[in-house]
C-alpha atoms as a PDB file:
ATOM      1  CA  MET A   1     356.908   0.977 224.731  1.00  0.00           C
ATOM      2  CA  ASN A   2     360.504   1.589 223.646  1.00  0.00           C
ATOM      3  CA  THR A   3     361.541   4.688 221.704  1.00  0.00           C
ATOM      4  CA  GLU A   4     361.875   2.993 218.316  1.00  0.00           C
ATOM      5  CA  THR A   5     358.402   1.445 218.569  1.00  0.00           C
ATOM      6  CA  LEU A   6     356.902   4.763 219.653  1.00  0.00           C
ATOM      7  CA  VAL A   7     358.552   6.697 216.820  1.00  0.00           C
ATOM      8  CA  ASN A   8     357.332   4.115 214.312  1.00  0.00           C
ATOM      9  CA  LYS A   9     353.813   4.533 215.692  1.00  0.00           C
ATOM     10  CA  ILE A  10     354.063   8.306 215.308  1.00  0.00           C
ATOM     11  CA  LYS A  11     355.270   7.944 211.724  1.00  0.00           C
ATOM     12  CA  SER A  12     352.590   5.407 210.781  1.00  0.00           C
ATOM     13  CA  LYS A  13     350.126   8.228 209.998  1.00  0.00           C
ATOM     14  CA  GLY A  14     350.331  11.982 209.588  1.00  0.00           C
ATOM     15  CA  TYR A  15     352.823  13.571 211.952  1.00  0.00           C
ATOM     16  CA  TRP A  16     354.689  16.756 212.779  1.00  0.00           C
ATOM     17  CA  ARG A  17     358.453  17.189 213.020  1.00  0.00           C
ATOM     18  CA  VAL A  18     359.780  20.324 214.727  1.00  0.00           C
ATOM     19  CA  GLU A  19     363.422  21.331 215.024  1.00  0.00           C
ATOM     20  CA  ILE A  20     364.634  24.401 216.911  1.00  0.00           C
ATOM     21  CA  ARG A  21     368.342  25.098 217.403  1.00  0.00           C
ATOM     22  CA  PRO A  22     370.885  27.901 217.688  1.00  0.00           C
ATOM     23  CA  THR A  23     372.761  28.624 214.465  1.00  0.00           C
ATOM     24  CA  ILE A  24     376.136  28.333 216.214  1.00  0.00           C
ATOM     25  CA  PHE A  25     376.920  24.928 217.699  1.00  0.00           C
ATOM     26  CA  ASP A  26     378.148  24.686 221.281  1.00  0.00           C
ATOM     27  CA  LYS A  27     377.952  21.157 222.652  1.00  0.00           C
ATOM     28  CA  GLN A  28     377.703  22.371 226.256  1.00  0.00           C
ATOM     29  CA  ARG A  29     375.606  25.504 225.764  1.00  0.00           C
ATOM     30  CA  VAL A  30     373.401  24.292 228.640  1.00  0.00           C
ATOM     31  CA  PRO A  31     375.867  23.311 231.396  1.00  0.00           C
ATOM     32  CA  ASN A  32     374.096  20.302 232.922  1.00  0.00           C
ATOM     33  CA  PHE A  33     371.005  18.114 232.822  1.00  0.00           C
ATOM     34  CA  SER A  34     369.322  19.859 235.734  1.00  0.00           C
ATOM     35  CA  GLU A  35     369.416  23.127 233.811  1.00  0.00           C
ATOM     36  CA  VAL A  36     368.069  21.422 230.694  1.00  0.00           C
ATOM     37  CA  ARG A  37     365.074  20.158 232.669  1.00  0.00           C
ATOM     38  CA  GLU A  38     364.476  23.517 234.324  1.00  0.00           C
ATOM     39  CA  LEU A  39     364.741  25.254 230.960  1.00  0.00           C
ATOM     40  CA  ILE A  40     362.139  23.056 229.293  1.00  0.00           C
ATOM     41  CA  GLN A  41     359.704  23.338 232.200  1.00  0.00           C
ATOM     42  CA  SER A  42     360.040  27.108 232.433  1.00  0.00           C
ATOM     43  CA  CYS A  43     359.565  27.594 228.679  1.00  0.00           C
ATOM     44  CA  THR A  44     356.694  25.136 228.180  1.00  0.00           C
ATOM     45  CA  VAL A  45     353.539  26.744 226.764  1.00  0.00           C
ATOM     46  CA  LEU A  46     350.220  25.880 228.401  1.00  0.00           C
ATOM     47  CA  TRP A  47     347.418  27.831 226.721  1.00  0.00           C
ATOM     48  CA  ARG A  48     345.083  24.911 226.027  1.00  0.00           C
ATOM     49  CA  GLY A  49     344.403  21.548 227.615  1.00  0.00           C
ATOM     50  CA  TRP A  50     347.727  20.138 226.405  1.00  0.00           C
ATOM     51  CA  ASP A  51     351.108  21.771 226.941  1.00  0.00           C
ATOM     52  CA  TYR A  52     353.783  22.367 224.302  1.00  0.00           C
ATOM     53  CA  PRO A  53     356.026  20.503 224.465  1.00  0.00           C
ATOM     54  CA  HIS A  54     354.267  18.015 226.696  1.00  0.00           C
ATOM     55  CA  TRP A  55     356.041  17.484 230.026  1.00  0.00           C
ATOM     56  CA  ASN A  56     355.434  13.902 231.129  1.00  0.00           C
ATOM     57  CA  ALA A  57     357.201  13.712 234.490  1.00  0.00           C
ATOM     58  CA  LYS A  58     356.996   9.900 234.482  1.00  0.00           C
ATOM     59  CA  GLU A  59     358.891   9.651 231.189  1.00  0.00           C
ATOM     60  CA  ILE A  60     361.733  12.168 231.562  1.00  0.00           C
ATOM     61  CA  ARG A  61     365.141  10.586 230.956  1.00  0.00           C
ATOM     62  CA  ASN A  62     368.729  11.875 230.903  1.00  0.00           C
ATOM     63  CA  MET A  63     370.648  10.355 227.989  1.00  0.00           C
ATOM     64  CA  SER A  64     374.240  10.829 226.778  1.00  0.00           C
ATOM     65  CA  ASP A  65     373.942  14.542 225.941  1.00  0.00           C
ATOM     66  CA  TRP A  66     370.194  15.178 225.834  1.00  0.00           C
ATOM     67  CA  VAL A  67     367.029  14.942 227.917  1.00  0.00           C
ATOM     68  CA  GLU A  68     364.103  13.126 226.342  1.00  0.00           C
ATOM     69  CA  SER A  69     360.455  12.478 227.046  1.00  0.00           C
ATOM     70  CA  SER A  70     357.549  10.677 225.430  1.00  0.00           C
ATOM     71  CA  GLU A  71     353.800  10.203 225.649  1.00  0.00           C
ATOM     72  CA  ASP A  72     351.351   7.689 224.215  1.00  0.00           C
ATOM     73  CA  TRP A  73     347.844   8.481 225.400  1.00  0.00           C
ATOM     74  CA  GLU A  74     344.841   8.320 223.083  1.00  0.00           C
ATOM     75  CA  SER A  75     345.507  10.760 220.194  1.00  0.00           C
ATOM     76  CA  TYR A  76     348.499  12.329 221.973  1.00  0.00           C
ATOM     77  CA  ILE A  77     351.553  10.437 220.777  1.00  0.00           C
ATOM     78  CA  GLU A  78     354.876  12.215 220.891  1.00  0.00           C
ATOM     79  CA  TYR A  79     358.592  12.072 221.508  1.00  0.00           C
ATOM     80  CA  TRP A  80     361.084  14.899 222.032  1.00  0.00           C
ATOM     81  CA  ARG A  81     364.744  15.434 222.732  1.00  0.00           C
ATOM     82  CA  PHE A  82     366.436  18.542 224.096  1.00  0.00           C
ATOM     83  CA  TYR A  83     370.217  18.506 223.676  1.00  0.00           C
ATOM     84  CA  ARG A  84     372.655  20.384 225.878  1.00  0.00           C
ATOM     85  CA  SER A  85     373.674  22.192 222.682  1.00  0.00           C
ATOM     86  CA  GLY A  86     370.243  23.849 222.686  1.00  0.00           C
ATOM     87  CA  GLN A  87     368.849  21.732 219.863  1.00  0.00           C
ATOM     88  CA  PHE A  88     365.246  20.620 220.300  1.00  0.00           C
ATOM     89  CA  ILE A  89     363.683  17.894 218.121  1.00  0.00           C
ATOM     90  CA  HIS A  90     360.036  16.972 218.501  1.00  0.00           C
ATOM     91  CA  LEU A  91     358.011  14.307 216.703  1.00  0.00           C
ATOM     92  CA  PHE A  92     354.287  14.111 217.403  1.00  0.00           C
ATOM     93  CA  ALA A  93     351.291  12.508 215.786  1.00  0.00           C
ATOM     94  CA  LEU A  94     348.802  14.566 213.815  1.00  0.00           C
ATOM     95  CA  HIS A  95     345.955  14.634 216.335  1.00  0.00           C
ATOM     96  CA  GLU A  96     343.316  14.585 213.589  1.00  0.00           C
ATOM     97  CA  ASP A  97     344.543  11.215 212.281  1.00  0.00           C
ATOM     98  CA  HIS A  98     343.907   9.532 215.635  1.00  0.00           C
ATOM     99  CA  ILE A  99     340.346  10.593 216.449  1.00  0.00           C
ATOM    100  CA  ASP A 100     336.900   9.489 215.277  1.00  0.00           C
ATOM    101  CA  ILE A 101     336.788  11.980 212.446  1.00  0.00           C
ATOM    102  CA  ASP A 102     333.245  11.158 211.322  1.00  0.00           C
ATOM    103  CA  ASN A 103     331.859  12.321 214.665  1.00  0.00           C
ATOM    104  CA  ILE A 104     333.995  15.483 214.735  1.00  0.00           C
ATOM    105  CA  LEU A 105     333.721  16.997 211.265  1.00  0.00           C
ATOM    106  CA  PRO A 106     330.616  19.115 210.611  1.00  0.00           C
ATOM    107  CA  GLN A 107     328.236  17.346 208.227  1.00  0.00           C
ATOM    108  CA  ARG A 108     327.973  18.569 204.650  1.00  0.00           C
ATOM    109  CA  TYR A 109     325.411  18.143 201.915  1.00  0.00           C
ATOM    110  CA  PRO A 110     326.317  16.878 199.451  1.00  0.00           C
ATOM    111  CA  PRO A 111     328.755  14.746 201.472  1.00  0.00           C
ATOM    112  CA  ARG A 112     332.461  15.524 201.451  1.00  0.00           C
ATOM    113  CA  SER A 113     334.773  13.680 199.112  1.00  0.00           C
ATOM    114  CA  PRO A 114     336.550  10.923 201.073  1.00  0.00           C
ATOM    115  CA  ARG A 115     340.160  11.774 201.906  1.00  0.00           C
ATOM    116  CA  ALA A 116     343.143  10.050 203.489  1.00  0.00           C
ATOM    117  CA  GLY A 117     342.766  12.509 206.366  1.00  0.00           C
ATOM    118  CA  TYR A 118     341.685  15.981 207.440  1.00  0.00           C
ATOM    119  CA  VAL A 119     343.657  18.808 209.027  1.00  0.00           C
ATOM    120  CA  SER A 120     342.029  21.495 211.161  1.00  0.00           C
ATOM    121  CA  PHE A 121     343.153  24.957 210.070  1.00  0.00           C
ATOM    122  CA  ILE A 122     342.362  26.352 213.524  1.00  0.00           C
ATOM    123  CA  SER A 123     344.300  23.638 215.357  1.00  0.00           C
ATOM    124  CA  THR A 124     347.225  24.136 212.972  1.00  0.00           C
ATOM    125  CA  THR A 125     347.197  27.882 213.642  1.00  0.00           C
ATOM    126  CA  TYR A 126     347.238  27.245 217.381  1.00  0.00           C
ATOM    127  CA  LYS A 127     349.992  24.626 217.209  1.00  0.00           C
ATOM    128  CA  VAL A 128     352.404  26.691 215.122  1.00  0.00           C
ATOM    129  CA  THR A 129     351.773  29.702 217.367  1.00  0.00           C
ATOM    130  CA  GLU A 130     352.591  27.587 220.446  1.00  0.00           C
ATOM    131  CA  ILE A 131     355.775  26.301 218.793  1.00  0.00           C
ATOM    132  CA  PHE A 132     356.979  29.839 218.166  1.00  0.00           C
ATOM    133  CA  GLU A 133     356.085  30.974 221.664  1.00  0.00           C
ATOM    134  CA  PHE A 134     358.190  28.109 223.036  1.00  0.00           C
ATOM    135  CA  ALA A 135     361.053  29.148 220.738  1.00  0.00           C
ATOM    136  CA  ALA A 136     360.693  32.782 221.835  1.00  0.00           C
ATOM    137  CA  ARG A 137     360.915  31.762 225.482  1.00  0.00           C
ATOM    138  CA  LEU A 138     364.092  29.798 224.736  1.00  0.00           C
ATOM    139  CA  ALA A 139     365.504  32.792 222.884  1.00  0.00           C
ATOM    140  CA  ASN A 140     364.652  35.033 225.834  1.00  0.00           C
ATOM    141  CA  ARG A 141     366.748  32.692 228.002  1.00  0.00           C
ATOM    142  CA  ASN A 142     369.686  33.182 225.577  1.00  0.00           C
ATOM    143  CA  VAL A 143     369.600  29.594 224.375  1.00  0.00           C
ATOM    144  CA  LEU A 144     369.131  30.586 220.719  1.00  0.00           C
ATOM    145  CA  THR A 145     372.010  33.005 220.199  1.00  0.00           C
ATOM    146  CA  PRO A 146     372.885  34.706 217.943  1.00  0.00           C
ATOM    147  CA  SER A 147     369.934  33.383 215.929  1.00  0.00           C
ATOM    148  CA  ALA A 148     367.676  30.355 215.642  1.00  0.00           C
ATOM    149  CA  PHE A 149     367.075  27.817 212.920  1.00  0.00           C
ATOM    150  CA  ILE A 150     363.450  26.688 213.036  1.00  0.00           C
ATOM    151  CA  SER A 151     361.973  23.922 210.905  1.00  0.00           C
ATOM    152  CA  ILE A 152     358.346  22.778 211.005  1.00  0.00           C
ATOM    153  CA  GLY A 153     357.324  19.771 208.957  1.00  0.00           C
ATOM    154  CA  LEU A 154     354.086  17.913 208.296  1.00  0.00           C
ATOM    155  CA  HIS A 155     354.647  14.388 207.011  1.00  0.00           C
ATOM    156  CA  ASN A 156     352.434  11.747 205.368  1.00  0.00           C
ATOM    157  CA  MET A 157     350.071  14.480 204.228  1.00  0.00           C
ATOM    158  CA  ARG A 158     349.186  13.303 200.732  1.00  0.00           C
ATOM    159  CA  ASP A 159     345.403  13.500 200.155  1.00  0.00           C
ATOM    160  CA  HIS A 160     344.815  15.270 203.468  1.00  0.00           C
ATOM    161  CA  GLU A 161     342.314  18.118 203.289  1.00  0.00           C
ATOM    162  CA  LEU A 162     342.610  21.353 205.215  1.00  0.00           C
ATOM    163  CA  THR A 163     339.230  22.159 206.713  1.00  0.00           C
ATOM    164  CA  SER A 164     337.305  23.566 209.679  1.00  0.00           C
ATOM    165  CA  PHE A 165     336.208  21.309 212.528  1.00  0.00           C
ATOM    166  CA  ASN A 166     334.041  24.132 213.895  1.00  0.00           C
ATOM    167  CA  ALA A 167     330.480  24.287 212.556  1.00  0.00           C
ATOM    168  CA  ASN A 168     330.535  28.064 213.115  1.00  0.00           C
ATOM    169  CA  ARG A 169     333.690  28.544 211.019  1.00  0.00           C
ATOM    170  CA  PHE A 170     332.714  27.445 207.518  1.00  0.00           C
ATOM    171  CA  MET A 171     335.472  26.600 205.074  1.00  0.00           C
ATOM    172  CA  ASP A 172     335.057  25.537 201.445  1.00  0.00           C
ATOM    173  CA  ASP A 173     336.009  22.001 200.463  1.00  0.00           C
ATOM    174  CA  GLY A 174     338.897  21.176 198.176  1.00  0.00           C
ATOM    175  CA  PHE A 175     342.005  22.486 199.978  1.00  0.00           C
ATOM    176  CA  VAL A 176     343.953  19.265 199.488  1.00  0.00           C
ATOM    177  CA  TYR A 177     347.662  18.446 199.658  1.00  0.00           C
ATOM    178  CA  GLU A 178     348.346  16.450 196.514  1.00  0.00           C
ATOM    179  CA  VAL A 179     352.020  15.412 196.598  1.00  0.00           C
ATOM    180  CA  TYR A 180     354.008  12.748 198.421  1.00  0.00           C
ATOM    181  CA  GLU A 181     356.805  14.958 199.775  1.00  0.00           C
ATOM    182  CA  PRO A 182     356.413  16.335 203.284  1.00  0.00           C
ATOM    183  CA  ILE A 183     355.525  19.958 203.908  1.00  0.00           C
ATOM    184  CA  VAL A 184     358.632  21.554 205.417  1.00  0.00           C
ATOM    185  CA  ILE A 185     358.908  25.253 206.235  1.00  0.00           C
ATOM    186  CA  GLU A 186     362.199  26.452 207.711  1.00  0.00           C
ATOM    187  CA  ARG A 187     364.029  29.682 208.352  1.00  0.00           C
ATOM    188  CA  GLU A 188     366.831  31.354 210.309  1.00  0.00           C
ATOM    189  CA  ILE A 189     365.559  34.059 212.670  1.00  0.00           C
ATOM    190  CA  GLU A 190     367.524  36.597 214.703  1.00  0.00           C
ATOM    191  CA  GLN A 191     367.205  36.150 218.463  1.00  0.00           C
ATOM    192  CA  GLN A 192     365.708  39.575 219.165  1.00  0.00           C
ATOM    193  CA  GLN A 193     363.233  39.300 216.298  1.00  0.00           C
ATOM    194  CA  LEU A 194     362.033  35.976 217.671  1.00  0.00           C
ATOM    195  CA  VAL A 195     361.660  37.353 221.201  1.00  0.00           C
ATOM    196  CA  SER A 196     359.843  40.504 220.142  1.00  0.00           C
ATOM    197  CA  ASN A 197     357.354  39.176 217.584  1.00  0.00           C
ATOM    198  CA  PRO A 198     356.875  35.385 217.594  1.00  0.00           C
ATOM    199  CA  ASP A 199     353.227  35.526 216.476  1.00  0.00           C
ATOM    200  CA  ASN A 200     353.975  37.392 213.265  1.00  0.00           C
ATOM    201  CA  ILE A 201     356.769  34.954 212.351  1.00  0.00           C
ATOM    202  CA  ALA A 202     354.428  32.079 213.190  1.00  0.00           C
ATOM    203  CA  LEU A 203     351.893  33.591 210.770  1.00  0.00           C
ATOM    204  CA  ASP A 204     354.480  33.427 207.988  1.00  0.00           C
ATOM    205  CA  PHE A 205     354.843  29.692 208.628  1.00  0.00           C
ATOM    206  CA  ILE A 206     351.086  29.145 208.980  1.00  0.00           C
ATOM    207  CA  VAL A 207     350.321  30.866 205.677  1.00  0.00           C
ATOM    208  CA  ALA A 208     353.108  28.912 203.957  1.00  0.00           C
ATOM    209  CA  ILE A 209     351.644  25.628 205.262  1.00  0.00           C
ATOM    210  CA  PHE A 210     348.126  26.565 204.143  1.00  0.00           C
ATOM    211  CA  GLU A 211     349.362  27.479 200.679  1.00  0.00           C
ATOM    212  CA  ARG A 212     350.697  23.916 200.313  1.00  0.00           C
ATOM    213  CA  PHE A 213     347.070  22.817 200.715  1.00  0.00           C
ATOM    214  CA  ASN A 214     346.146  25.192 197.866  1.00  0.00           C
ATOM    215  CA  TRP A 215     344.573  27.803 200.149  1.00  0.00           C
ATOM    216  CA  ILE A 216     345.985  30.891 198.489  1.00  0.00           C
ATOM    217  CA  ASN A 217     346.123  34.217 200.357  1.00  0.00           C
ATOM    218  CA  PRO A 218     344.380  33.222 203.602  1.00  0.00           C
ATOM    219  CA  SER A 219     343.492  36.260 205.686  1.00  0.00           C
ATOM    220  CA  ARG A 220     346.375  37.070 208.025  1.00  0.00           C
ATOM    221  CA  GLN A 221     344.030  39.334 209.966  1.00  0.00           C
ATOM    222  CA  ILE A 222     341.610  36.508 210.754  1.00  0.00           C
ATOM    223  CA  LEU A 223     344.448  34.147 211.640  1.00  0.00           C
ATOM    224  CA  ALA A 224     345.969  36.833 213.886  1.00  0.00           C
ATOM    225  CA  GLU A 225     342.626  37.073 215.703  1.00  0.00           C
ATOM    226  CA  ASP A 226     342.785  33.313 216.295  1.00  0.00           C
ATOM    227  CA  GLN A 227     346.257  33.801 217.770  1.00  0.00           C
ATOM    228  CA  LYS A 228     344.954  36.494 220.114  1.00  0.00           C
ATOM    229  CA  ARG A 229     342.116  34.232 221.285  1.00  0.00           C
ATOM    230  CA  LEU A 230     344.654  31.499 221.955  1.00  0.00           C
ATOM    231  CA  ARG A 231     346.838  33.814 224.043  1.00  0.00           C
ATOM    232  CA  LYS A 232     343.805  35.008 225.992  1.00  0.00           C
ATOM    233  CA  ARG A 233     342.556  31.395 226.340  1.00  0.00           C
ATOM    234  CA  ARG A 234     339.218  32.333 224.769  1.00  0.00           C
ATOM    235  CA  LEU A 235     338.894  29.283 222.553  1.00  0.00           C
END
């Protein structure tokens, strides 16, 4: 599958868009392609069954001034580019839109209201935490100097409901995203701040995303405990 076809497939349903880059542009910040590849591999986060970003050795390609990779396997559909300037752009499908949701969601009585899709609050917490850990590792390698611009977007989210996919983690119904525009949270972050406390910055983004679904004042303490379980691989 060529890149355009893959990207169109990603964008056909709910999807994430992540951008991480240094705030000062230097076209040759990373001297060569070998160092780009080594950098990505050394900074990749593997805390669950799927790494972030996913390293598909069979689909790694050197392009004009970036390295790219892609994957299209079951619900894992993604494409990323890492430029020699230090800019990283990642598009990946919302996992929840590509699984048999009726067999995954805990049953409710009375039944849930039908929605365009459902978003796991736990999976979202994990994913944003992994994104910031990857960014922190890049910052620790002096790729994101003097500061980083980080943007996390969720697209095609209208009428998606934020919920729990875990029968032991009850969540009320009705946390629904009701507008057509994508959810985009972005911020400039100093290098040292990113290195020293990525989880707390990730929490800011997580809470901001959840508020777009009309979940006001989610418990940062509970979400921080989820982050700790992720780091300790006690999922």
